[in-house]
Amino acid sequence: MDLDIIWDIFMVKASEIRGVANIEMRKIAGIPFLFITVDKNGTLDAIEAGIRVCSAEAMKGKRLSSETVFVRRGGNYYVFRHRFFVPQRKMFCCGNLCVDCVRFQHDRF
């Protein structure tokens, strides 16, 4: 799975959040940050809610999760650290008879 495609979908959807005048993703030290310029309707709560909705829409049908952390505010912009995560547990059997093989795990719903 290519996270660049997920990021592209997310950025298109996030640019349509009410109150967002401009959104830009910059990687600083390998960590993605969202720099969001807001218009007069942009509030922190509305932007955070919009980011959650857009993340869910971008990840739909994929085994991903996301994390968004507010970093700072400056003038008419907000900065968030936003990351998409792939699952950390094994997803397939490699055939090496591992003790944590997915064949021995039973998901409980």
PDB file of N, CA and C in Angstrom:
ATOM      1  N   MET A   1       0.843  -1.168   0.000  1.00  0.00           N
ATOM      2  CA  MET A   1       0.000   0.000   0.000  1.00  0.00           C
ATOM      3  C   MET A   1       0.890   1.234   0.000  1.00  0.00           C
ATOM      4  N   ASP A   2       0.595   2.140  -0.869  1.00  0.00           N
ATOM      5  CA  ASP A   2       1.395   3.341  -1.002  1.00  0.00           C
ATOM      6  C   ASP A   2       0.731   4.481  -0.226  1.00  0.00           C
ATOM      7  N   LEU A   3       1.388   4.958   0.818  1.00  0.00           N
ATOM      8  CA  LEU A   3       0.812   6.025   1.642  1.00  0.00           C
ATOM      9  C   LEU A   3       0.703   7.348   0.891  1.00  0.00           C
ATOM     10  N   ASP A   4       1.465   7.510  -0.184  1.00  0.00           N
ATOM     11  CA  ASP A   4       1.370   8.750  -0.957  1.00  0.00           C
ATOM     12  C   ASP A   4      -0.024   8.920  -1.553  1.00  0.00           C
ATOM     13  N   ILE A   5      -0.637   7.824  -1.967  1.00  0.00           N
ATOM     14  CA  ILE A   5      -1.995   7.884  -2.511  1.00  0.00           C
ATOM     15  C   ILE A   5      -2.974   8.310  -1.421  1.00  0.00           C
ATOM     16  N   ILE A   6      -2.812   7.747  -0.218  1.00  0.00           N
ATOM     17  CA  ILE A   6      -3.674   8.111   0.912  1.00  0.00           C
ATOM     18  C   ILE A   6      -3.496   9.589   1.235  1.00  0.00           C
ATOM     19  N   TRP A   7      -2.251  10.056   1.236  1.00  0.00           N
ATOM     20  CA  TRP A   7      -1.985  11.475   1.501  1.00  0.00           C
ATOM     21  C   TRP A   7      -2.636  12.365   0.448  1.00  0.00           C
ATOM     22  N   ASP A   8      -2.558  11.957  -0.822  1.00  0.00           N
ATOM     23  CA  ASP A   8      -3.169  12.752  -1.895  1.00  0.00           C
ATOM     24  C   ASP A   8      -4.679  12.876  -1.688  1.00  0.00           C
ATOM     25  N   ILE A   9      -5.323  11.756  -1.380  1.00  0.00           N
ATOM     26  CA  ILE A   9      -6.771  11.772  -1.135  1.00  0.00           C
ATOM     27  C   ILE A   9      -7.090  12.658   0.067  1.00  0.00           C
ATOM     28  N   PHE A  10      -6.317  12.482   1.134  1.00  0.00           N
ATOM     29  CA  PHE A  10      -6.540  13.267   2.342  1.00  0.00           C
ATOM     30  C   PHE A  10      -6.395  14.764   2.069  1.00  0.00           C
ATOM     31  N   MET A  11      -5.357  15.159   1.367  1.00  0.00           N
ATOM     32  CA  MET A  11      -5.111  16.581   1.122  1.00  0.00           C
ATOM     33  C   MET A  11      -6.211  17.217   0.280  1.00  0.00           C
ATOM     34  N   VAL A  12      -6.728  16.485  -0.708  1.00  0.00           N
ATOM     35  CA  VAL A  12      -7.827  17.011  -1.523  1.00  0.00           C
ATOM     36  C   VAL A  12      -9.057  17.231  -0.656  1.00  0.00           C
ATOM     37  N   LYS A  13      -9.381  16.224   0.161  1.00  0.00           N
ATOM     38  CA  LYS A  13     -10.558  16.336   1.029  1.00  0.00           C
ATOM     39  C   LYS A  13     -10.362  17.403   2.106  1.00  0.00           C
ATOM     40  N   ALA A  14      -9.165  17.489   2.673  1.00  0.00           N
ATOM     41  CA  ALA A  14      -8.907  18.457   3.740  1.00  0.00           C
ATOM     42  C   ALA A  14      -8.955  19.893   3.229  1.00  0.00           C
ATOM     43  N   SER A  15      -8.638  20.100   1.975  1.00  0.00           N
ATOM     44  CA  SER A  15      -8.697  21.456   1.429  1.00  0.00           C
ATOM     45  C   SER A  15     -10.136  21.953   1.322  1.00  0.00           C
ATOM     46  N   GLU A  16     -11.101  21.029   1.439  1.00  0.00           N
ATOM     47  CA  GLU A  16     -12.515  21.393   1.363  1.00  0.00           C
ATOM     48  C   GLU A  16     -13.159  21.576   2.739  1.00  0.00           C
ATOM     49  N   ILE A  17     -12.389  21.450   3.818  1.00  0.00           N
ATOM     50  CA  ILE A  17     -12.924  21.648   5.164  1.00  0.00           C
ATOM     51  C   ILE A  17     -13.358  23.097   5.311  1.00  0.00           C
ATOM     52  N   ARG A  18     -14.536  23.277   5.893  1.00  0.00           N
ATOM     53  CA  ARG A  18     -15.034  24.638   6.105  1.00  0.00           C
ATOM     54  C   ARG A  18     -14.079  25.393   7.039  1.00  0.00           C
ATOM     55  N   GLY A  19     -13.690  26.565   6.621  1.00  0.00           N
ATOM     56  CA  GLY A  19     -12.781  27.385   7.414  1.00  0.00           C
ATOM     57  C   GLY A  19     -11.338  27.293   6.975  1.00  0.00           C
ATOM     58  N   VAL A  20     -11.026  26.359   6.071  1.00  0.00           N
ATOM     59  CA  VAL A  20      -9.650  26.195   5.589  1.00  0.00           C
ATOM     60  C   VAL A  20      -9.457  27.026   4.325  1.00  0.00           C
ATOM     61  N   ALA A  21      -8.544  27.985   4.392  1.00  0.00           N
ATOM     62  CA  ALA A  21      -8.209  28.779   3.215  1.00  0.00           C
ATOM     63  C   ALA A  21      -7.122  28.095   2.399  1.00  0.00           C
ATOM     64  N   ASN A  22      -6.159  27.461   3.104  1.00  0.00           N
ATOM     65  CA  ASN A  22      -5.060  26.772   2.431  1.00  0.00           C
ATOM     66  C   ASN A  22      -4.514  25.712   3.378  1.00  0.00           C
ATOM     67  N   ILE A  23      -4.088  24.585   2.793  1.00  0.00           N
ATOM     68  CA  ILE A  23      -3.481  23.521   3.593  1.00  0.00           C
ATOM     69  C   ILE A  23      -2.233  23.040   2.875  1.00  0.00           C
ATOM     70  N   GLU A  24      -1.193  22.814   3.639  1.00  0.00           N
ATOM     71  CA  GLU A  24       0.068  22.351   3.077  1.00  0.00           C
ATOM     72  C   GLU A  24       0.680  21.328   4.014  1.00  0.00           C
ATOM     73  N   MET A  25       1.209  20.246   3.457  1.00  0.00           N
ATOM     74  CA  MET A  25       1.896  19.238   4.248  1.00  0.00           C
ATOM     75  C   MET A  25       3.392  19.403   4.013  1.00  0.00           C
ATOM     76  N   ARG A  26       4.137  19.518   5.126  1.00  0.00           N
ATOM     77  CA  ARG A  26       5.592  19.608   5.043  1.00  0.00           C
ATOM     78  C   ARG A  26       6.178  18.542   5.955  1.00  0.00           C
ATOM     79  N   LYS A  27       7.198  17.858   5.479  1.00  0.00           N
ATOM     80  CA  LYS A  27       7.910  16.901   6.315  1.00  0.00           C
ATOM     81  C   LYS A  27       9.112  17.589   6.929  1.00  0.00           C
ATOM     82  N   ILE A  28       9.160  17.552   8.244  1.00  0.00           N
ATOM     83  CA  ILE A  28      10.273  18.143   8.978  1.00  0.00           C
ATOM     84  C   ILE A  28      10.874  17.024   9.816  1.00  0.00           C
ATOM     85  N   ALA A  29      12.134  16.709   9.562  1.00  0.00           N
ATOM     86  CA  ALA A  29      12.825  15.596  10.219  1.00  0.00           C
ATOM     87  C   ALA A  29      12.073  14.284   9.997  1.00  0.00           C
ATOM     88  N   GLY A  30      11.460  14.148   8.816  1.00  0.00           N
ATOM     89  CA  GLY A  30      10.750  12.925   8.460  1.00  0.00           C
ATOM     90  C   GLY A  30       9.345  12.815   9.033  1.00  0.00           C
ATOM     91  N   ILE A  31       8.909  13.813   9.772  1.00  0.00           N
ATOM     92  CA  ILE A  31       7.577  13.787  10.386  1.00  0.00           C
ATOM     93  C   ILE A  31       6.672  14.747   9.617  1.00  0.00           C
ATOM     94  N   PRO A  32       5.498  14.285   9.176  1.00  0.00           N
ATOM     95  CA  PRO A  32       4.608  15.156   8.408  1.00  0.00           C
ATOM     96  C   PRO A  32       3.840  16.133   9.313  1.00  0.00           C
ATOM     97  N   PHE A  33       3.860  17.394   8.917  1.00  0.00           N
ATOM     98  CA  PHE A  33       3.117  18.444   9.612  1.00  0.00           C
ATOM     99  C   PHE A  33       2.149  19.090   8.633  1.00  0.00           C
ATOM    100  N   LEU A  34       0.962  19.443   9.132  1.00  0.00           N
ATOM    101  CA  LEU A  34      -0.024  20.165   8.340  1.00  0.00           C
ATOM    102  C   LEU A  34       0.019  21.631   8.754  1.00  0.00           C
ATOM    103  N   PHE A  35       0.218  22.504   7.794  1.00  0.00           N
ATOM    104  CA  PHE A  35       0.162  23.940   8.013  1.00  0.00           C
ATOM    105  C   PHE A  35      -1.136  24.414   7.372  1.00  0.00           C
ATOM    106  N   ILE A  36      -2.080  24.813   8.212  1.00  0.00           N
ATOM    107  CA  ILE A  36      -3.420  25.148   7.739  1.00  0.00           C
ATOM    108  C   ILE A  36      -3.677  26.630   7.966  1.00  0.00           C
ATOM    109  N   THR A  37      -3.877  27.366   6.868  1.00  0.00           N
ATOM    110  CA  THR A  37      -4.269  28.767   6.939  1.00  0.00           C
ATOM    111  C   THR A  37      -5.788  28.802   6.998  1.00  0.00           C
ATOM    112  N   VAL A  38      -6.311  29.511   7.983  1.00  0.00           N
ATOM    113  CA  VAL A  38      -7.760  29.536   8.171  1.00  0.00           C
ATOM    114  C   VAL A  38      -8.335  30.869   7.727  1.00  0.00           C
ATOM    115  N   ASP A  39      -9.609  30.832   7.337  1.00  0.00           N
ATOM    116  CA  ASP A  39     -10.311  32.069   7.037  1.00  0.00           C
ATOM    117  C   ASP A  39     -11.094  32.490   8.275  1.00  0.00           C
ATOM    118  N   LYS A  40     -11.979  33.437   8.141  1.00  0.00           N
ATOM    119  CA  LYS A  40     -12.684  33.971   9.311  1.00  0.00           C
ATOM    120  C   LYS A  40     -13.613  32.944   9.966  1.00  0.00           C
ATOM    121  N   ASN A  41     -13.982  31.868   9.257  1.00  0.00           N
ATOM    122  CA  ASN A  41     -14.866  30.835   9.812  1.00  0.00           C
ATOM    123  C   ASN A  41     -14.093  29.692  10.461  1.00  0.00           C
ATOM    124  N   GLY A  42     -12.788  29.704  10.378  1.00  0.00           N
ATOM    125  CA  GLY A  42     -11.983  28.581  10.857  1.00  0.00           C
ATOM    126  C   GLY A  42     -11.747  28.622  12.362  1.00  0.00           C
ATOM    127  N   THR A  43     -12.205  27.587  13.041  1.00  0.00           N
ATOM    128  CA  THR A  43     -11.936  27.435  14.473  1.00  0.00           C
ATOM    129  C   THR A  43     -11.136  26.159  14.683  1.00  0.00           C
ATOM    130  N   LEU A  44     -10.424  26.102  15.789  1.00  0.00           N
ATOM    131  CA  LEU A  44      -9.593  24.935  16.070  1.00  0.00           C
ATOM    132  C   LEU A  44     -10.434  23.665  16.145  1.00  0.00           C
ATOM    133  N   ASP A  45     -11.553  23.718  16.844  1.00  0.00           N
ATOM    134  CA  ASP A  45     -12.407  22.532  16.986  1.00  0.00           C
ATOM    135  C   ASP A  45     -12.942  22.056  15.641  1.00  0.00           C
ATOM    136  N   ALA A  46     -13.382  22.996  14.804  1.00  0.00           N
ATOM    137  CA  ALA A  46     -13.924  22.630  13.489  1.00  0.00           C
ATOM    138  C   ALA A  46     -12.839  22.029  12.596  1.00  0.00           C
ATOM    139  N   ILE A  47     -11.636  22.587  12.654  1.00  0.00           N
ATOM    140  CA  ILE A  47     -10.536  22.079  11.836  1.00  0.00           C
ATOM    141  C   ILE A  47     -10.147  20.676  12.295  1.00  0.00           C
ATOM    142  N   GLU A  48     -10.036  20.461  13.614  1.00  0.00           N
ATOM    143  CA  GLU A  48      -9.690  19.127  14.128  1.00  0.00           C
ATOM    144  C   GLU A  48     -10.742  18.098  13.742  1.00  0.00           C
ATOM    145  N   ALA A  49     -12.020  18.462  13.859  1.00  0.00           N
ATOM    146  CA  ALA A  49     -13.102  17.542  13.477  1.00  0.00           C
ATOM    147  C   ALA A  49     -13.033  17.239  11.981  1.00  0.00           C
ATOM    148  N   GLY A  50     -12.765  18.253  11.183  1.00  0.00           N
ATOM    149  CA  GLY A  50     -12.650  18.055   9.739  1.00  0.00           C
ATOM    150  C   GLY A  50     -11.491  17.153   9.363  1.00  0.00           C
ATOM    151  N   ILE A  51     -10.371  17.300  10.066  1.00  0.00           N
ATOM    152  CA  ILE A  51      -9.208  16.453   9.804  1.00  0.00           C
ATOM    153  C   ILE A  51      -9.544  14.994  10.110  1.00  0.00           C
ATOM    154  N   ARG A  52     -10.257  14.747  11.220  1.00  0.00           N
ATOM    155  CA  ARG A  52     -10.645  13.375  11.564  1.00  0.00           C
ATOM    156  C   ARG A  52     -11.544  12.765  10.495  1.00  0.00           C
ATOM    157  N   VAL A  53     -12.510  13.544  10.023  1.00  0.00           N
ATOM    158  CA  VAL A  53     -13.429  13.054   8.985  1.00  0.00           C
ATOM    159  C   VAL A  53     -12.676  12.772   7.692  1.00  0.00           C
ATOM    160  N   CYS A  54     -11.819  13.685   7.280  1.00  0.00           N
ATOM    161  CA  CYS A  54     -11.058  13.505   6.036  1.00  0.00           C
ATOM    162  C   CYS A  54     -10.108  12.321   6.134  1.00  0.00           C
ATOM    163  N   SER A  55      -9.503  12.113   7.298  1.00  0.00           N
ATOM    164  CA  SER A  55      -8.617  10.964   7.499  1.00  0.00           C
ATOM    165  C   SER A  55      -9.400   9.667   7.348  1.00  0.00           C
ATOM    166  N   ALA A  56     -10.566   9.611   7.976  1.00  0.00           N
ATOM    167  CA  ALA A  56     -11.402   8.409   7.890  1.00  0.00           C
ATOM    168  C   ALA A  56     -11.806   8.125   6.447  1.00  0.00           C
ATOM    169  N   GLU A  57     -12.152   9.170   5.708  1.00  0.00           N
ATOM    170  CA  GLU A  57     -12.540   8.983   4.309  1.00  0.00           C
ATOM    171  C   GLU A  57     -11.358   8.515   3.464  1.00  0.00           C
ATOM    172  N   ALA A  58     -10.179   9.049   3.712  1.00  0.00           N
ATOM    173  CA  ALA A  58      -8.988   8.663   2.943  1.00  0.00           C
ATOM    174  C   ALA A  58      -8.565   7.228   3.246  1.00  0.00           C
ATOM    175  N   MET A  59      -8.799   6.780   4.492  1.00  0.00           N
ATOM    176  CA  MET A  59      -8.375   5.437   4.912  1.00  0.00           C
ATOM    177  C   MET A  59      -9.443   4.379   4.678  1.00  0.00           C
ATOM    178  N   LYS A  60     -10.614   4.770   4.218  1.00  0.00           N
ATOM    179  CA  LYS A  60     -11.736   3.843   4.073  1.00  0.00           C
ATOM    180  C   LYS A  60     -11.343   2.632   3.236  1.00  0.00           C
ATOM    181  N   GLY A  61     -11.595   1.443   3.792  1.00  0.00           N
ATOM    182  CA  GLY A  61     -11.275   0.209   3.096  1.00  0.00           C
ATOM    183  C   GLY A  61      -9.827  -0.232   3.237  1.00  0.00           C
ATOM    184  N   LYS A  62      -9.036   0.520   3.979  1.00  0.00           N
ATOM    185  CA  LYS A  62      -7.619   0.189   4.166  1.00  0.00           C
ATOM    186  C   LYS A  62      -7.383  -0.155   5.633  1.00  0.00           C
ATOM    187  N   ARG A  63      -6.355  -0.905   5.915  1.00  0.00           N
ATOM    188  CA  ARG A  63      -5.984  -1.233   7.299  1.00  0.00           C
ATOM    189  C   ARG A  63      -4.982  -0.212   7.797  1.00  0.00           C
ATOM    190  N   LEU A  64      -5.465   0.985   8.046  1.00  0.00           N
ATOM    191  CA  LEU A  64      -4.627   2.085   8.505  1.00  0.00           C
ATOM    192  C   LEU A  64      -5.257   2.731   9.727  1.00  0.00           C
ATOM    193  N   SER A  65      -4.461   3.483  10.424  1.00  0.00           N
ATOM    194  CA  SER A  65      -4.968   4.364  11.475  1.00  0.00           C
ATOM    195  C   SER A  65      -4.232   5.685  11.332  1.00  0.00           C
ATOM    196  N   SER A  66      -4.753   6.707  12.013  1.00  0.00           N
ATOM    197  CA  SER A  66      -4.114   8.012  11.919  1.00  0.00           C
ATOM    198  C   SER A  66      -4.013   8.635  13.301  1.00  0.00           C
ATOM    199  N   GLU A  67      -3.129   9.611  13.391  1.00  0.00           N
ATOM    200  CA  GLU A  67      -2.947  10.359  14.627  1.00  0.00           C
ATOM    201  C   GLU A  67      -2.745  11.822  14.260  1.00  0.00           C
ATOM    202  N   THR A  68      -3.489  12.691  14.929  1.00  0.00           N
ATOM    203  CA  THR A  68      -3.366  14.125  14.712  1.00  0.00           C
ATOM    204  C   THR A  68      -3.125  14.803  16.049  1.00  0.00           C
ATOM    205  N   VAL A  69      -2.083  15.621  16.121  1.00  0.00           N
ATOM    206  CA  VAL A  69      -1.738  16.328  17.356  1.00  0.00           C
ATOM    207  C   VAL A  69      -1.577  17.811  17.021  1.00  0.00           C
ATOM    208  N   PHE A  70      -2.328  18.643  17.740  1.00  0.00           N
ATOM    209  CA  PHE A  70      -2.190  20.084  17.580  1.00  0.00           C
ATOM    210  C   PHE A  70      -0.828  20.507  18.120  1.00  0.00           C
ATOM    211  N   VAL A  71      -0.094  21.313  17.334  1.00  0.00           N
ATOM    212  CA  VAL A  71       1.247  21.739  17.729  1.00  0.00           C
ATOM    213  C   VAL A  71       1.249  23.192  18.184  1.00  0.00           C
ATOM    214  N   ARG A  72       0.761  24.088  17.317  1.00  0.00           N
ATOM    215  CA  ARG A  72       0.777  25.507  17.680  1.00  0.00           C
ATOM    216  C   ARG A  72      -0.141  26.299  16.764  1.00  0.00           C
ATOM    217  N   ARG A  73      -0.366  27.523  17.213  1.00  0.00           N
ATOM    218  CA  ARG A  73      -1.139  28.474  16.424  1.00  0.00           C
ATOM    219  C   ARG A  73      -0.293  29.723  16.233  1.00  0.00           C
ATOM    220  N   GLY A  74      -0.365  30.290  15.059  1.00  0.00           N
ATOM    221  CA  GLY A  74       0.373  31.519  14.802  1.00  0.00           C
ATOM    222  C   GLY A  74      -0.408  32.398  13.850  1.00  0.00           C
ATOM    223  N   GLY A  75      -0.949  33.494  14.340  1.00  0.00           N
ATOM    224  CA  GLY A  75      -1.719  34.391  13.473  1.00  0.00           C
ATOM    225  C   GLY A  75      -2.965  33.712  12.963  1.00  0.00           C
ATOM    226  N   ASN A  76      -3.061  33.556  11.645  1.00  0.00           N
ATOM    227  CA  ASN A  76      -4.240  32.924  11.057  1.00  0.00           C
ATOM    228  C   ASN A  76      -3.944  31.508  10.539  1.00  0.00           C
ATOM    229  N   TYR A  77      -3.002  30.813  11.176  1.00  0.00           N
ATOM    230  CA  TYR A  77      -2.729  29.439  10.766  1.00  0.00           C
ATOM    231  C   TYR A  77      -2.556  28.536  11.987  1.00  0.00           C
ATOM    232  N   TYR A  78      -2.817  27.254  11.747  1.00  0.00           N
ATOM    233  CA  TYR A  78      -2.622  26.216  12.753  1.00  0.00           C
ATOM    234  C   TYR A  78      -1.607  25.223  12.217  1.00  0.00           C
ATOM    235  N   VAL A  79      -0.869  24.600  13.116  1.00  0.00           N
ATOM    236  CA  VAL A  79       0.083  23.554  12.742  1.00  0.00           C
ATOM    237  C   VAL A  79      -0.301  22.285  13.507  1.00  0.00           C
ATOM    238  N   PHE A  80      -0.412  21.189  12.765  1.00  0.00           N
ATOM    239  CA  PHE A  80      -0.724  19.886  13.341  1.00  0.00           C
ATOM    240  C   PHE A  80       0.327  18.880  12.898  1.00  0.00           C
ATOM    241  N   ARG A  81       0.664  17.944  13.778  1.00  0.00           N
ATOM    242  CA  ARG A  81       1.432  16.772  13.363  1.00  0.00           C
ATOM    243  C   ARG A  81       0.384  15.728  12.989  1.00  0.00           C
ATOM    244  N   HIS A  82       0.471  15.225  11.781  1.00  0.00           N
ATOM    245  CA  HIS A  82      -0.545  14.273  11.298  1.00  0.00           C
ATOM    246  C   HIS A  82       0.160  13.102  10.635  1.00  0.00           C
ATOM    247  N   ARG A  83      -0.154  11.892  11.101  1.00  0.00           N
ATOM    248  CA  ARG A  83       0.512  10.698  10.565  1.00  0.00           C
ATOM    249  C   ARG A  83      -0.512   9.616  10.263  1.00  0.00           C
ATOM    250  N   PHE A  84      -0.231   8.855   9.232  1.00  0.00           N
ATOM    251  CA  PHE A  84      -0.976   7.628   8.928  1.00  0.00           C
ATOM    252  C   PHE A  84      -0.082   6.459   9.307  1.00  0.00           C
ATOM    253  N   PHE A  85      -0.666   5.451   9.970  1.00  0.00           N
ATOM    254  CA  PHE A  85       0.087   4.298  10.436  1.00  0.00           C
ATOM    255  C   PHE A  85      -0.402   3.029   9.759  1.00  0.00           C
ATOM    256  N   VAL A  86       0.530   2.146   9.415  1.00  0.00           N
ATOM    257  CA  VAL A  86       0.184   0.806   8.960  1.00  0.00           C
ATOM    258  C   VAL A  86       0.187  -0.105  10.183  1.00  0.00           C
ATOM    259  N   PRO A  87      -0.535  -1.220  10.149  1.00  0.00           N
ATOM    260  CA  PRO A  87      -0.581  -2.107  11.318  1.00  0.00           C
ATOM    261  C   PRO A  87       0.806  -2.614  11.698  1.00  0.00           C
ATOM    262  N   GLN A  88       1.044  -2.747  12.989  1.00  0.00           N
ATOM    263  CA  GLN A  88       2.337  -3.201  13.475  1.00  0.00           C
ATOM    264  C   GLN A  88       2.389  -4.704  13.708  1.00  0.00           C
ATOM    265  N   ARG A  89       1.251  -5.370  13.630  1.00  0.00           N
ATOM    266  CA  ARG A  89       1.279  -6.817  13.844  1.00  0.00           C
ATOM    267  C   ARG A  89       1.421  -7.533  12.505  1.00  0.00           C
ATOM    268  N   LYS A  90       1.855  -8.770  12.569  1.00  0.00           N
ATOM    269  CA  LYS A  90       2.048  -9.549  11.347  1.00  0.00           C
ATOM    270  C   LYS A  90       0.706  -9.769  10.662  1.00  0.00           C
ATOM    271  N   MET A  91       0.720  -9.705   9.344  1.00  0.00           N
ATOM    272  CA  MET A  91      -0.510  -9.837   8.566  1.00  0.00           C
ATOM    273  C   MET A  91      -0.564 -11.153   7.781  1.00  0.00           C
ATOM    274  N   PHE A  92       0.537 -11.909   7.726  1.00  0.00           N
ATOM    275  CA  PHE A  92       0.572 -13.128   6.930  1.00  0.00           C
ATOM    276  C   PHE A  92       1.566 -14.108   7.549  1.00  0.00           C
ATOM    277  N   CYS A  93       1.449 -15.357   7.155  1.00  0.00           N
ATOM    278  CA  CYS A  93       2.373 -16.389   7.626  1.00  0.00           C
ATOM    279  C   CYS A  93       3.575 -16.419   6.687  1.00  0.00           C
ATOM    280  N   CYS A  94       4.782 -16.319   7.260  1.00  0.00           N
ATOM    281  CA  CYS A  94       6.007 -16.320   6.454  1.00  0.00           C
ATOM    282  C   CYS A  94       6.576 -17.733   6.284  1.00  0.00           C
ATOM    283  N   GLY A  95       6.030 -18.710   7.015  1.00  0.00           N
ATOM    284  CA  GLY A  95       6.489 -20.081   6.887  1.00  0.00           C
ATOM    285  C   GLY A  95       7.670 -20.455   7.748  1.00  0.00           C
ATOM    286  N   ASN A  96       8.102 -19.571   8.638  1.00  0.00           N
ATOM    287  CA  ASN A  96       9.268 -19.825   9.487  1.00  0.00           C
ATOM    288  C   ASN A  96       8.910 -20.385  10.858  1.00  0.00           C
ATOM    289  N   LEU A  97       7.677 -20.807  11.054  1.00  0.00           N
ATOM    290  CA  LEU A  97       7.197 -21.379  12.315  1.00  0.00           C
ATOM    291  C   LEU A  97       7.398 -20.427  13.494  1.00  0.00           C
ATOM    292  N   CYS A  98       7.092 -19.147  13.296  1.00  0.00           N
ATOM    293  CA  CYS A  98       7.224 -18.135  14.353  1.00  0.00           C
ATOM    294  C   CYS A  98       6.212 -18.409  15.465  1.00  0.00           C
ATOM    295  N   VAL A  99       6.613 -18.089  16.710  1.00  0.00           N
ATOM    296  CA  VAL A  99       5.700 -18.313  17.835  1.00  0.00           C
ATOM    297  C   VAL A  99       4.521 -17.336  17.805  1.00  0.00           C
ATOM    298  N   ASP A 100       4.682 -16.192  17.140  1.00  0.00           N
ATOM    299  CA  ASP A 100       3.588 -15.223  17.048  1.00  0.00           C
ATOM    300  C   ASP A 100       2.901 -15.263  15.676  1.00  0.00           C
ATOM    301  N   CYS A 101       2.894 -16.429  15.048  1.00  0.00           N
ATOM    302  CA  CYS A 101       2.315 -16.588  13.705  1.00  0.00           C
ATOM    303  C   CYS A 101       0.830 -16.217  13.716  1.00  0.00           C
ATOM    304  N   VAL A 102       0.396 -15.583  12.638  1.00  0.00           N
ATOM    305  CA  VAL A 102      -1.006 -15.181  12.534  1.00  0.00           C
ATOM    306  C   VAL A 102      -1.935 -16.393  12.465  1.00  0.00           C
ATOM    307  N   ARG A 103      -1.403 -17.549  12.138  1.00  0.00           N
ATOM    308  CA  ARG A 103      -2.253 -18.753  12.108  1.00  0.00           C
ATOM    309  C   ARG A 103      -2.734 -19.123  13.507  1.00  0.00           C
ATOM    310  N   PHE A 104      -2.002 -18.699  14.526  1.00  0.00           N
ATOM    311  CA  PHE A 104      -2.346 -19.054  15.902  1.00  0.00           C
ATOM    312  C   PHE A 104      -3.137 -17.962  16.615  1.00  0.00           C
ATOM    313  N   GLN A 105      -3.416 -16.856  15.939  1.00  0.00           N
ATOM    314  CA  GLN A 105      -4.152 -15.753  16.555  1.00  0.00           C
ATOM    315  C   GLN A 105      -5.593 -15.812  16.145  1.00  0.00           C
ATOM    316  N   HIS A 106      -6.474 -15.532  17.093  1.00  0.00           N
ATOM    317  CA  HIS A 106      -7.904 -15.501  16.808  1.00  0.00           C
ATOM    318  C   HIS A 106      -8.414 -14.119  17.191  1.00  0.00           C
ATOM    319  N   ASP A 107      -8.864 -13.372  16.161  1.00  0.00           N
ATOM    320  CA  ASP A 107      -9.409 -12.035  16.430  1.00  0.00           C
ATOM    321  C   ASP A 107     -10.766 -12.193  17.103  1.00  0.00           C
ATOM    322  N   ARG A 108     -10.976 -11.440  18.145  1.00  0.00           N
ATOM    323  CA  ARG A 108     -12.251 -11.445  18.845  1.00  0.00           C
ATOM    324  C   ARG A 108     -12.954 -10.113  18.568  1.00  0.00           C
ATOM    325  N   PHE A 109     -14.140 -10.225  18.054  1.00  0.00           N
ATOM    326  CA  PHE A 109     -14.907  -9.006  17.743  1.00  0.00           C
ATOM    327  C   PHE A 109     -16.042  -8.852  18.693  1.00  0.00           C
TER     328      PHE A 109
END
